[in-house]
Protein backbone atom coordinates (compact mmCIF):
# COMPACT_ATOMS: atom_id res chain seq x y z
CA UNK A 1 -117.42 -29.69 39.53
CA UNK A 2 -114.70 -32.15 38.88
CA UNK A 3 -113.76 -34.64 36.17
CA UNK A 4 -113.39 -34.38 32.38
CA UNK A 5 -115.77 -32.19 30.34
CA UNK A 6 -117.82 -35.16 29.26
CA UNK A 7 -118.17 -36.60 32.82
CA UNK A 8 -118.18 -33.59 35.15
CA UNK A 9 -119.90 -34.20 38.43
CA UNK A 10 -120.40 -32.72 41.88
CA UNK A 11 -118.63 -34.91 44.50
CA UNK A 12 -120.78 -36.76 46.97
CA UNK A 13 -118.78 -35.04 49.72
CA UNK A 14 -120.18 -31.66 48.64
CA UNK A 15 -123.70 -32.86 49.24
CA UNK A 16 -122.81 -34.29 52.63
CA UNK A 17 -121.39 -30.96 53.79
CA UNK A 18 -124.15 -28.80 52.23
CA UNK A 19 -125.90 -26.57 54.85
CA UNK A 20 -129.73 -26.71 54.72
CA UNK A 21 -132.29 -24.90 56.96
CA UNK A 22 -133.73 -26.93 59.73
CA UNK A 23 -136.90 -25.17 60.94
CA UNK A 24 -139.09 -26.72 63.67
CA UNK A 25 -141.00 -29.76 62.53
CA UNK A 26 -144.31 -27.99 62.53
CA UNK A 27 -142.93 -25.37 60.17
CA UNK A 28 -141.56 -28.08 57.91
CA UNK A 29 -145.02 -29.67 57.80
CA UNK A 30 -146.59 -26.25 56.99
CA UNK A 31 -144.17 -25.71 54.14
CA UNK A 32 -144.89 -29.17 52.71
CA UNK A 33 -148.61 -28.67 53.04
CA UNK A 34 -148.60 -25.24 51.31
CA UNK A 35 -146.36 -26.40 48.45
CA UNK A 36 -148.63 -29.43 48.02
CA UNK A 37 -151.54 -27.02 47.45
CA UNK A 38 -149.51 -25.35 44.69
CA UNK A 39 -148.66 -28.73 43.16
CA UNK A 40 -152.34 -29.70 43.21
CA UNK A 41 -153.36 -26.52 41.47
CA UNK A 42 -150.58 -27.15 38.93
CA UNK A 43 -151.83 -30.62 38.28
CA UNK A 44 -155.45 -29.45 37.91
CA UNK A 45 -154.31 -26.81 35.43
CA UNK A 46 -152.47 -29.33 33.25
CA UNK A 47 -155.56 -31.59 33.34
CA UNK A 48 -157.75 -28.64 32.29
CA UNK A 49 -155.37 -27.79 29.40
CA UNK A 50 -155.43 -31.35 28.07
CA UNK A 51 -159.19 -31.58 28.31
CA UNK A 52 -159.76 -28.23 26.63
CA UNK A 53 -157.40 -29.00 23.75
CA UNK A 54 -159.14 -32.35 23.29
CA UNK A 55 -162.48 -30.48 23.18
CA UNK A 56 -161.10 -28.02 20.55
CA UNK A 57 -159.78 -30.88 18.43
CA UNK A 58 -163.13 -32.57 18.56
CA UNK A 59 -164.85 -29.44 17.37
CA UNK A 60 -162.39 -28.86 14.51
CA UNK A 61 -162.22 -32.55 13.43
CA UNK A 62 -166.00 -32.83 13.14
CA UNK A 63 -165.81 -30.52 10.14
CA UNK A 64 -165.57 -31.77 6.55
CA UNK A 65 -163.06 -30.09 4.21
CA UNK A 66 -164.51 -29.28 0.76
CA UNK A 67 -163.14 -25.86 -0.34
CA UNK A 68 -159.63 -24.74 -1.45
CA UNK A 69 -157.85 -22.18 0.69
CA UNK A 70 -157.17 -19.98 -2.35
CA UNK A 71 -160.91 -19.46 -2.84
CA UNK A 72 -161.16 -17.50 0.44
CA UNK A 73 -157.62 -16.42 1.37
CA UNK A 74 -154.87 -14.33 -0.09
CA UNK A 75 -151.28 -15.47 0.64
CA UNK A 76 -148.10 -13.34 0.87
CA UNK A 77 -149.58 -10.28 -0.72
CA UNK A 78 -147.11 -7.68 0.61
CA UNK A 79 -143.31 -7.57 0.84
CA UNK A 80 -140.80 -4.94 1.95
CA UNK A 81 -137.01 -4.75 2.01
CA UNK A 82 -135.97 -3.15 5.34
CA UNK A 83 -132.41 -2.59 4.16
CA UNK A 84 -133.59 -0.04 1.65
CA UNK A 85 -136.82 1.32 3.26
CA UNK A 86 -135.60 1.52 6.88
CA UNK A 87 -131.82 1.50 6.51
CA UNK A 88 -131.20 3.60 9.58
CA UNK A 89 -134.35 2.81 11.45
CA UNK A 90 -135.20 -0.05 13.74
CA UNK A 91 -137.94 -2.51 13.04
CA UNK A 92 -139.46 -5.65 14.61
CA UNK A 93 -138.41 -8.95 12.94
CA UNK A 94 -140.47 -12.11 13.54
CA UNK A 95 -138.38 -15.10 12.47
CA UNK A 96 -139.13 -18.85 12.88
CA UNK A 97 -137.93 -18.96 16.49
CA UNK A 98 -140.25 -16.07 17.41
CA UNK A 99 -143.39 -18.15 16.95
CA UNK A 100 -144.13 -20.85 19.50
CA UNK A 101 -144.58 -24.48 18.48
CA UNK A 102 -148.12 -25.55 19.17
CA UNK A 103 -149.14 -22.68 21.42
CA UNK A 104 -149.87 -19.88 18.99
CA UNK A 105 -147.59 -17.38 20.82
CA UNK A 106 -145.62 -14.72 18.98
CA UNK A 107 -142.66 -12.77 20.29
CA UNK A 108 -142.17 -9.26 18.96
CA UNK A 109 -139.05 -8.73 20.99
CA UNK A 110 -136.47 -8.96 18.17
CA UNK A 111 -135.51 -5.44 17.17
CA UNK A 112 -133.13 -4.96 14.30
CA UNK A 113 -131.62 -1.97 12.42
CA UNK A 114 -132.81 -1.90 8.80
CA UNK A 115 -129.32 -1.99 7.29
CA UNK A 116 -128.62 -5.20 9.35
CA UNK A 117 -131.83 -7.00 8.26
CA UNK A 118 -131.36 -10.67 7.18
CA UNK A 119 -132.23 -11.50 3.64
CA UNK A 120 -135.29 -13.47 4.80
CA UNK A 121 -136.88 -10.43 6.44
CA UNK A 122 -139.33 -9.49 3.77
CA UNK A 123 -142.96 -10.47 4.53
CA UNK A 124 -145.51 -7.80 5.64
CA UNK A 125 -148.53 -8.86 7.62
CA UNK A 126 -151.87 -7.08 7.96
CA UNK A 127 -154.21 -7.20 10.89
CA UNK A 128 -156.11 -10.48 11.28
CA UNK A 129 -153.45 -12.55 9.61
CA UNK A 130 -152.73 -16.26 9.99
CA UNK A 131 -149.00 -17.02 10.19
CA UNK A 132 -147.91 -20.46 9.02
CA UNK A 133 -144.45 -21.79 9.26
CA UNK A 134 -143.76 -23.47 5.95
CA UNK A 135 -140.72 -25.30 7.32
CA UNK A 136 -141.47 -28.52 9.27
CA UNK A 137 -145.17 -27.47 9.71
CA UNK A 138 -145.73 -30.58 11.78
CA UNK A 139 -144.11 -28.62 14.64
CA UNK A 140 -147.15 -26.30 14.39
CA UNK A 141 -145.33 -22.94 14.29
CA UNK A 142 -148.65 -21.24 13.60
CA UNK A 143 -150.21 -18.07 15.01
CA UNK A 144 -153.09 -15.66 14.57
CA UNK A 145 -152.35 -11.91 14.83
CA UNK A 146 -155.37 -9.73 15.44
CA UNK A 147 -153.31 -6.50 15.31
CA UNK A 148 -149.83 -6.28 13.79
CA UNK A 149 -147.40 -3.85 15.57
CA UNK A 150 -146.06 -0.98 13.41
CA UNK A 151 -142.91 -1.65 11.43
CA UNK A 152 -143.01 -5.37 11.72
CA UNK A 153 -141.48 -7.74 9.18
CA UNK A 154 -141.86 -11.49 9.03
CA UNK A 155 -139.42 -14.10 7.70
CA UNK A 156 -139.97 -15.61 4.27
CA UNK A 157 -140.09 -18.94 6.20
CA UNK A 158 -143.73 -18.05 6.90
CA UNK A 159 -146.80 -17.92 4.71
CA UNK A 160 -149.09 -15.06 5.67
CA UNK A 161 -152.72 -15.79 5.03
CA UNK A 162 -155.51 -13.18 5.14
CA UNK A 163 -159.18 -13.65 4.40
CA UNK A 164 -160.35 -11.99 1.18
CA UNK A 165 -163.51 -11.08 3.14
CA UNK A 166 -164.07 -11.68 6.86
CA UNK A 167 -167.79 -11.66 6.23
CA UNK A 168 -167.34 -14.83 4.11
CA UNK A 169 -164.50 -16.62 5.96
CA UNK A 170 -163.07 -15.74 9.28
CA UNK A 171 -159.24 -15.71 9.39
CA UNK A 172 -159.14 -16.92 12.97
CA UNK A 173 -161.11 -20.12 12.05
CA UNK A 174 -158.36 -20.91 9.54
CA UNK A 175 -155.75 -20.53 12.24
CA UNK A 176 -157.72 -23.06 14.38
CA UNK A 177 -157.85 -25.44 11.39
CA UNK A 178 -154.06 -25.25 10.92
CA UNK A 179 -153.48 -25.75 14.67
CA UNK A 180 -155.96 -28.55 15.32
CA UNK A 181 -157.27 -30.21 12.16
CA UNK A 182 -155.94 -33.73 11.62
CA UNK A 183 -157.14 -33.59 8.02
CA UNK A 184 -155.18 -30.38 7.24
CA UNK A 185 -152.10 -31.77 8.90
CA UNK A 186 -152.35 -34.90 6.72
CA UNK A 187 -152.57 -32.61 3.69
CA UNK A 188 -149.43 -30.79 4.74
CA UNK A 189 -147.56 -34.08 5.42
CA UNK A 190 -148.55 -35.38 1.98
CA UNK A 191 -147.26 -32.13 0.33
CA UNK A 192 -143.93 -32.17 2.15
CA UNK A 193 -141.01 -33.59 0.21
CA UNK A 194 -139.26 -36.62 1.76
CA UNK A 195 -136.13 -34.74 2.57
CA UNK A 196 -134.00 -33.48 5.46
CA UNK A 197 -135.67 -30.11 5.10
CA UNK A 198 -139.37 -30.83 4.80
CA UNK A 199 -141.51 -27.86 3.87
CA UNK A 200 -144.61 -26.63 2.08
CA UNK A 201 -145.00 -23.84 -0.47
CA UNK A 202 -147.59 -21.28 -1.51
CA UNK A 203 -148.99 -23.54 -4.19
CA UNK A 204 -149.43 -26.32 -1.67
CA UNK A 205 -151.30 -24.05 0.70
CA UNK A 206 -153.47 -22.62 -2.14
CA UNK A 207 -154.83 -26.03 -2.81
CA UNK A 208 -155.23 -27.36 0.67
CA UNK A 209 -158.93 -28.14 1.47
CA UNK A 210 -160.84 -26.52 4.34
CA UNK A 211 -164.45 -26.77 5.55
CA UNK A 212 -167.04 -24.46 3.94
CA UNK A 213 -169.36 -23.15 6.53
CA UNK A 214 -171.97 -20.40 6.82
CA UNK A 215 -170.64 -17.27 8.56
CA UNK A 216 -172.96 -17.97 11.47
CA UNK A 217 -171.49 -21.44 11.94
CA UNK A 218 -167.98 -19.98 11.72
CA UNK A 219 -168.77 -17.36 14.44
CA UNK A 220 -170.23 -19.99 16.72
CA UNK A 221 -167.25 -22.26 16.39
CA UNK A 222 -164.74 -19.42 16.88
CA UNK A 223 -166.61 -18.21 19.98
CA UNK A 224 -166.59 -21.76 21.45
CA UNK A 225 -162.90 -22.27 20.94
CA UNK A 226 -162.07 -18.75 22.25
CA UNK A 227 -163.81 -19.57 25.51
CA UNK A 228 -161.78 -22.80 25.80
CA UNK A 229 -158.62 -21.01 24.85
CA UNK A 230 -159.17 -18.40 27.52
CA UNK A 231 -159.29 -21.10 30.15
CA UNK A 232 -156.11 -22.63 28.73
CA UNK A 233 -154.27 -19.27 28.89
CA UNK A 234 -155.29 -18.84 32.56
CA UNK A 235 -154.13 -22.39 33.32
CA UNK A 236 -150.74 -21.85 31.63
CA UNK A 237 -150.24 -18.66 33.57
CA UNK A 238 -150.85 -20.51 36.77
CA UNK A 239 -148.29 -23.22 35.80
CA UNK A 240 -145.73 -20.56 34.86
CA UNK A 241 -146.18 -18.86 38.23
CA UNK A 242 -145.91 -22.12 40.24
CA UNK A 243 -142.13 -21.94 40.81
CA UNK A 244 -142.32 -18.38 42.11
CA UNK A 245 -145.20 -19.26 44.43
CA UNK A 246 -143.14 -22.15 45.89
CA UNK A 247 -140.13 -19.85 46.31
CA UNK A 248 -142.44 -17.28 48.14
CA UNK A 249 -143.55 -20.09 50.52
CA UNK A 250 -139.91 -21.05 51.28
CA UNK A 251 -138.96 -17.38 51.74
CA UNK A 252 -141.83 -16.87 54.15
CA UNK A 253 -140.76 -19.63 56.53
CA UNK A 254 -136.98 -20.01 56.04
């Protein structure tokens, strides 16, 4: 690349002299045809994801919020300081960047020695916990954790919510509400200070309103959404594999 750092470019001459494979025309057509099939599957997968998310939003937004979260959920009940408890041991740290924005994914890949733990590494989650990023919640850094890996600590940038009784209110439904409810998002936006670092706190979350449903209704809704999410997961996997599928086609013929 040539030019100054702000305007570096590849010279046109480099493109003109670049060697490319020139298979027979029938092979070229076959490559294009097979890659077009991958592209079509990719497009169909994106369409399915959009449709399923719309269906989930419709389910969630048909519910009316009447009860306070604090009536059914405990928030941030356990803390631990890794620098003193696990000084010479490794633990898994889940920080704000470890939770996906809008996809519910959580990475448990960040392994830290206890004595090197950041000061924000304090929150302890239990199984069936809803993880809510309290900083810029409109980015939807939310997740549901069915089973927490051993020796895992979360950042204090998260609020960890767990149902007081799963037979009364299902934690996973609360996760779906945070992720998809327009009403709950409006409540969060109202609670956020108008500042460069918008956030919500435990008191805000305590008083947010959520729908009050029978356990049978909750189970039905969760089952519906889980089915739709399973299709979304399969579609996302297909999209993630598209590039390698195309490369495999090129490698087969070239």
